[in-house]
Amino acid sequence: MPKLYEYFGLIIMFYSNEHEPVHVHGKCQGRELRAELIIIDGKILEIRYSLVMGKGPLSSQERTLFEELVTAKADDIVRKWIDFFVLHRSLRAEAITRRLK
């Protein structure tokens, strides 16, 4: 489970057995939300958020932080997806201690 970011108590990560489309999971104390990046012609056109089956949803504040991070780091998330799943490189988590918005 490659961890990408730590952001105000949230863990943003890929599961190691992921599949396309490019997406990340935001987790906090057993709650989880998924963000799918819709990419057309190499450009991120939309980010769709969805619940994860069997997990409780993030709180309103946690969701706001997750959406903030995914929006700010969307291009980096795509690069990390390619590095990990295509190029098979290891990833190093980044702790972010300041608000991105």
N, C-alpha and C. Protein backbone atom coordinates (compact mmCIF):
# COMPACT_ATOMS: atom_id res chain seq x y z
N MET A 1 0.84 -1.18 0.00
CA MET A 1 0.00 0.00 0.00
C MET A 1 0.89 1.24 0.00
N PRO A 2 1.23 1.74 -1.16
CA PRO A 2 2.06 2.94 -1.18
C PRO A 2 1.33 4.17 -0.65
N LYS A 3 1.90 4.75 0.37
CA LYS A 3 1.36 5.98 0.95
C LYS A 3 1.97 7.15 0.20
N LEU A 4 1.13 8.09 -0.23
CA LEU A 4 1.60 9.24 -0.99
C LEU A 4 1.78 10.46 -0.12
N TYR A 5 0.79 10.74 0.71
CA TYR A 5 0.78 11.96 1.52
C TYR A 5 0.18 11.69 2.89
N GLU A 6 0.62 12.49 3.84
CA GLU A 6 -0.05 12.63 5.13
C GLU A 6 -0.46 14.09 5.20
N TYR A 7 -1.74 14.33 5.50
CA TYR A 7 -2.26 15.69 5.46
C TYR A 7 -3.29 15.87 6.56
N PHE A 8 -2.89 16.50 7.65
CA PHE A 8 -3.78 16.79 8.77
C PHE A 8 -4.58 15.57 9.24
N GLY A 9 -3.89 14.47 9.44
CA GLY A 9 -4.52 13.25 9.94
C GLY A 9 -5.00 12.30 8.86
N LEU A 10 -5.06 12.76 7.62
CA LEU A 10 -5.46 11.91 6.51
C LEU A 10 -4.25 11.19 5.93
N ILE A 11 -4.46 9.98 5.50
CA ILE A 11 -3.46 9.23 4.75
C ILE A 11 -4.01 9.10 3.33
N ILE A 12 -3.23 9.55 2.35
CA ILE A 12 -3.64 9.45 0.95
C ILE A 12 -2.73 8.40 0.33
N MET A 13 -3.35 7.41 -0.32
CA MET A 13 -2.58 6.24 -0.74
C MET A 13 -3.19 5.56 -1.97
N PHE A 14 -2.39 4.68 -2.57
CA PHE A 14 -2.86 3.70 -3.54
C PHE A 14 -2.91 2.37 -2.81
N TYR A 15 -3.78 1.48 -3.23
CA TYR A 15 -3.65 0.09 -2.84
C TYR A 15 -2.71 -0.54 -3.85
N SER A 16 -1.89 -1.48 -3.44
CA SER A 16 -0.86 -2.03 -4.32
C SER A 16 -1.42 -2.87 -5.46
N ASN A 17 -2.66 -3.28 -5.39
CA ASN A 17 -3.26 -4.08 -6.46
C ASN A 17 -4.28 -3.27 -7.25
N GLU A 18 -4.05 -1.97 -7.40
CA GLU A 18 -5.01 -1.08 -8.04
C GLU A 18 -5.18 -1.35 -9.52
N HIS A 19 -6.16 -0.71 -10.09
CA HIS A 19 -6.52 -0.82 -11.48
C HIS A 19 -6.88 0.56 -11.98
N GLU A 20 -6.88 0.72 -13.28
CA GLU A 20 -7.30 2.00 -13.83
C GLU A 20 -8.80 2.15 -13.67
N PRO A 21 -9.32 3.33 -13.63
CA PRO A 21 -8.68 4.62 -13.85
C PRO A 21 -7.83 5.05 -12.66
N VAL A 22 -7.00 6.04 -12.90
CA VAL A 22 -6.14 6.58 -11.85
C VAL A 22 -7.02 7.07 -10.70
N HIS A 23 -6.70 6.60 -9.49
CA HIS A 23 -7.47 7.05 -8.32
C HIS A 23 -6.63 6.87 -7.06
N VAL A 24 -7.03 7.59 -6.02
CA VAL A 24 -6.38 7.49 -4.72
C VAL A 24 -7.46 7.31 -3.66
N HIS A 25 -7.01 6.84 -2.50
CA HIS A 25 -7.89 6.67 -1.35
C HIS A 25 -7.43 7.61 -0.26
N GLY A 26 -8.38 8.25 0.39
CA GLY A 26 -8.11 9.06 1.57
C GLY A 26 -8.66 8.32 2.77
N LYS A 27 -7.81 8.07 3.77
CA LYS A 27 -8.22 7.28 4.93
C LYS A 27 -7.95 8.06 6.22
N CYS A 28 -8.84 7.85 7.16
CA CYS A 28 -8.66 8.43 8.49
C CYS A 28 -9.46 7.60 9.49
N GLN A 29 -8.77 6.97 10.42
CA GLN A 29 -9.39 6.20 11.50
C GLN A 29 -10.48 5.24 11.01
N GLY A 30 -10.17 4.48 9.97
CA GLY A 30 -11.10 3.48 9.47
C GLY A 30 -12.13 3.99 8.48
N ARG A 31 -12.20 5.30 8.31
CA ARG A 31 -13.12 5.88 7.33
C ARG A 31 -12.34 6.11 6.04
N GLU A 32 -13.06 6.12 4.91
CA GLU A 32 -12.34 6.18 3.64
C GLU A 32 -13.20 6.79 2.54
N LEU A 33 -12.54 7.48 1.61
CA LEU A 33 -13.17 8.04 0.43
C LEU A 33 -12.22 7.84 -0.74
N ARG A 34 -12.77 7.69 -1.92
CA ARG A 34 -11.99 7.45 -3.13
C ARG A 34 -12.11 8.65 -4.05
N ALA A 35 -11.00 9.04 -4.70
CA ALA A 35 -11.00 10.12 -5.68
C ALA A 35 -10.48 9.57 -7.00
N GLU A 36 -11.31 9.62 -8.03
CA GLU A 36 -10.95 9.14 -9.36
C GLU A 36 -10.65 10.34 -10.25
N LEU A 37 -9.49 10.32 -10.89
CA LEU A 37 -9.09 11.40 -11.77
C LEU A 37 -9.47 11.03 -13.20
N ILE A 38 -10.33 11.84 -13.80
CA ILE A 38 -10.79 11.61 -15.17
C ILE A 38 -9.81 12.33 -16.10
N ILE A 39 -9.09 11.54 -16.90
CA ILE A 39 -8.04 12.08 -17.76
C ILE A 39 -8.42 11.81 -19.21
N ILE A 40 -8.46 12.87 -20.01
CA ILE A 40 -8.73 12.74 -21.44
C ILE A 40 -7.67 13.52 -22.19
N ASP A 41 -7.05 12.86 -23.15
CA ASP A 41 -5.97 13.45 -23.94
C ASP A 41 -4.87 14.03 -23.05
N GLY A 42 -4.55 13.31 -21.98
CA GLY A 42 -3.46 13.71 -21.10
C GLY A 42 -3.77 14.84 -20.15
N LYS A 43 -5.02 15.29 -20.10
CA LYS A 43 -5.39 16.38 -19.20
C LYS A 43 -6.43 15.90 -18.19
N ILE A 44 -6.27 16.33 -16.96
CA ILE A 44 -7.24 15.99 -15.92
C ILE A 44 -8.44 16.91 -16.09
N LEU A 45 -9.57 16.32 -16.44
CA LEU A 45 -10.77 17.12 -16.70
C LEU A 45 -11.71 17.18 -15.51
N GLU A 46 -11.64 16.17 -14.66
CA GLU A 46 -12.59 16.09 -13.55
C GLU A 46 -12.04 15.18 -12.47
N ILE A 47 -12.48 15.41 -11.25
CA ILE A 47 -12.17 14.51 -10.14
C ILE A 47 -13.52 14.08 -9.55
N ARG A 48 -13.73 12.77 -9.50
CA ARG A 48 -14.98 12.23 -8.97
C ARG A 48 -14.69 11.55 -7.63
N TYR A 49 -15.51 11.85 -6.65
CA TYR A 49 -15.36 11.28 -5.32
C TYR A 49 -16.45 10.25 -5.08
N SER A 50 -16.08 9.14 -4.46
CA SER A 50 -17.07 8.10 -4.18
C SER A 50 -16.74 7.40 -2.87
N LEU A 51 -17.78 6.82 -2.28
CA LEU A 51 -17.62 6.05 -1.06
C LEU A 51 -16.91 4.73 -1.37
N VAL A 52 -16.32 4.14 -0.37
CA VAL A 52 -15.65 2.85 -0.50
C VAL A 52 -16.51 1.82 0.22
N MET A 53 -16.87 0.76 -0.49
CA MET A 53 -17.74 -0.26 0.06
C MET A 53 -17.14 -0.84 1.35
N GLY A 54 -17.95 -0.93 2.36
CA GLY A 54 -17.52 -1.53 3.62
C GLY A 54 -16.81 -0.57 4.55
N LYS A 55 -16.64 0.67 4.15
CA LYS A 55 -15.95 1.67 4.98
C LYS A 55 -16.91 2.83 5.25
N GLY A 56 -16.79 3.41 6.42
CA GLY A 56 -17.56 4.61 6.71
C GLY A 56 -16.99 5.79 5.95
N PRO A 57 -17.80 6.80 5.67
CA PRO A 57 -17.31 7.97 4.93
C PRO A 57 -16.45 8.88 5.81
N LEU A 58 -15.60 9.64 5.16
CA LEU A 58 -14.86 10.67 5.89
C LEU A 58 -15.84 11.69 6.45
N SER A 59 -15.46 12.33 7.54
CA SER A 59 -16.29 13.41 8.08
C SER A 59 -16.27 14.57 7.08
N SER A 60 -17.14 15.52 7.28
CA SER A 60 -17.22 16.68 6.39
C SER A 60 -15.87 17.42 6.32
N GLN A 61 -15.26 17.62 7.46
CA GLN A 61 -13.96 18.32 7.50
C GLN A 61 -12.87 17.48 6.83
N GLU A 62 -12.88 16.17 7.07
CA GLU A 62 -11.89 15.29 6.45
C GLU A 62 -12.07 15.29 4.93
N ARG A 63 -13.32 15.25 4.49
CA ARG A 63 -13.59 15.26 3.05
C ARG A 63 -13.09 16.56 2.42
N THR A 64 -13.32 17.67 3.09
CA THR A 64 -12.84 18.96 2.59
C THR A 64 -11.33 18.94 2.43
N LEU A 65 -10.63 18.43 3.43
CA LEU A 65 -9.17 18.34 3.36
C LEU A 65 -8.72 17.41 2.23
N PHE A 66 -9.41 16.28 2.08
CA PHE A 66 -9.07 15.32 1.03
C PHE A 66 -9.26 15.95 -0.35
N GLU A 67 -10.39 16.60 -0.55
CA GLU A 67 -10.65 17.25 -1.84
C GLU A 67 -9.62 18.35 -2.10
N GLU A 68 -9.26 19.09 -1.08
CA GLU A 68 -8.25 20.15 -1.18
C GLU A 68 -6.92 19.57 -1.66
N LEU A 69 -6.49 18.48 -1.04
CA LEU A 69 -5.22 17.87 -1.40
C LEU A 69 -5.26 17.28 -2.80
N VAL A 70 -6.29 16.53 -3.12
CA VAL A 70 -6.36 15.89 -4.44
C VAL A 70 -6.39 16.94 -5.55
N THR A 71 -7.12 18.02 -5.35
CA THR A 71 -7.16 19.09 -6.34
C THR A 71 -5.79 19.72 -6.52
N ALA A 72 -5.12 20.02 -5.42
CA ALA A 72 -3.82 20.68 -5.49
C ALA A 72 -2.72 19.76 -6.03
N LYS A 73 -2.83 18.46 -5.78
CA LYS A 73 -1.77 17.51 -6.14
C LYS A 73 -2.15 16.57 -7.28
N ALA A 74 -3.20 16.88 -8.04
CA ALA A 74 -3.70 15.96 -9.06
C ALA A 74 -2.62 15.56 -10.07
N ASP A 75 -1.87 16.50 -10.60
CA ASP A 75 -0.82 16.17 -11.57
C ASP A 75 0.25 15.28 -10.93
N ASP A 76 0.60 15.57 -9.69
CA ASP A 76 1.59 14.77 -8.97
C ASP A 76 1.06 13.35 -8.72
N ILE A 77 -0.21 13.23 -8.43
CA ILE A 77 -0.82 11.91 -8.22
C ILE A 77 -0.70 11.07 -9.49
N VAL A 78 -0.97 11.68 -10.63
CA VAL A 78 -0.85 10.96 -11.91
C VAL A 78 0.59 10.52 -12.13
N ARG A 79 1.54 11.40 -11.87
CA ARG A 79 2.97 11.04 -12.02
C ARG A 79 3.33 9.88 -11.10
N LYS A 80 2.84 9.93 -9.87
CA LYS A 80 3.15 8.86 -8.92
C LYS A 80 2.49 7.55 -9.34
N TRP A 81 1.29 7.62 -9.92
CA TRP A 81 0.61 6.42 -10.43
C TRP A 81 1.49 5.76 -11.51
N ILE A 82 1.97 6.58 -12.43
CA ILE A 82 2.82 6.06 -13.51
C ILE A 82 4.12 5.49 -12.93
N ASP A 83 4.74 6.23 -12.02
CA ASP A 83 5.98 5.74 -11.39
C ASP A 83 5.76 4.37 -10.74
N PHE A 84 4.68 4.23 -9.98
CA PHE A 84 4.47 3.00 -9.22
C PHE A 84 3.93 1.85 -10.07
N PHE A 85 2.86 2.09 -10.81
CA PHE A 85 2.19 1.00 -11.50
C PHE A 85 2.78 0.69 -12.88
N VAL A 86 3.38 1.67 -13.54
CA VAL A 86 3.94 1.44 -14.87
C VAL A 86 5.45 1.20 -14.81
N LEU A 87 6.15 2.09 -14.12
CA LEU A 87 7.61 2.01 -14.07
C LEU A 87 8.13 1.19 -12.88
N HIS A 88 7.24 0.79 -11.99
CA HIS A 88 7.56 -0.06 -10.83
C HIS A 88 8.64 0.56 -9.93
N ARG A 89 8.51 1.85 -9.72
CA ARG A 89 9.41 2.56 -8.81
C ARG A 89 8.76 2.64 -7.43
N SER A 90 9.59 2.67 -6.41
CA SER A 90 9.05 2.84 -5.07
C SER A 90 8.72 4.32 -4.86
N LEU A 91 7.80 4.56 -3.95
CA LEU A 91 7.36 5.92 -3.65
C LEU A 91 7.68 6.27 -2.22
N ARG A 92 7.90 7.53 -1.97
CA ARG A 92 8.15 8.03 -0.62
C ARG A 92 7.02 8.97 -0.23
N ALA A 93 6.45 8.75 0.93
CA ALA A 93 5.35 9.58 1.41
C ALA A 93 5.84 10.98 1.74
N GLU A 94 4.97 11.93 1.51
CA GLU A 94 5.25 13.34 1.80
C GLU A 94 4.31 13.80 2.91
N ALA A 95 4.86 14.32 3.98
CA ALA A 95 4.05 14.90 5.05
C ALA A 95 3.84 16.38 4.74
N ILE A 96 2.59 16.78 4.62
CA ILE A 96 2.26 18.17 4.32
C ILE A 96 1.67 18.79 5.57
N THR A 97 2.29 19.83 6.07
CA THR A 97 1.89 20.40 7.35
C THR A 97 1.24 21.77 7.22
N ARG A 98 1.12 22.28 6.01
CA ARG A 98 0.44 23.56 5.79
C ARG A 98 -0.73 23.36 4.86
N ARG A 99 -1.78 24.12 5.07
CA ARG A 99 -2.95 24.01 4.21
C ARG A 99 -2.57 24.35 2.77
N LEU A 100 -3.14 23.64 1.84
CA LEU A 100 -2.84 23.82 0.43
C LEU A 100 -3.74 24.83 -0.23
N LYS A 101 -4.81 25.16 0.42
CA LYS A 101 -5.78 26.07 -0.17
C LYS A 101 -5.56 27.48 0.27
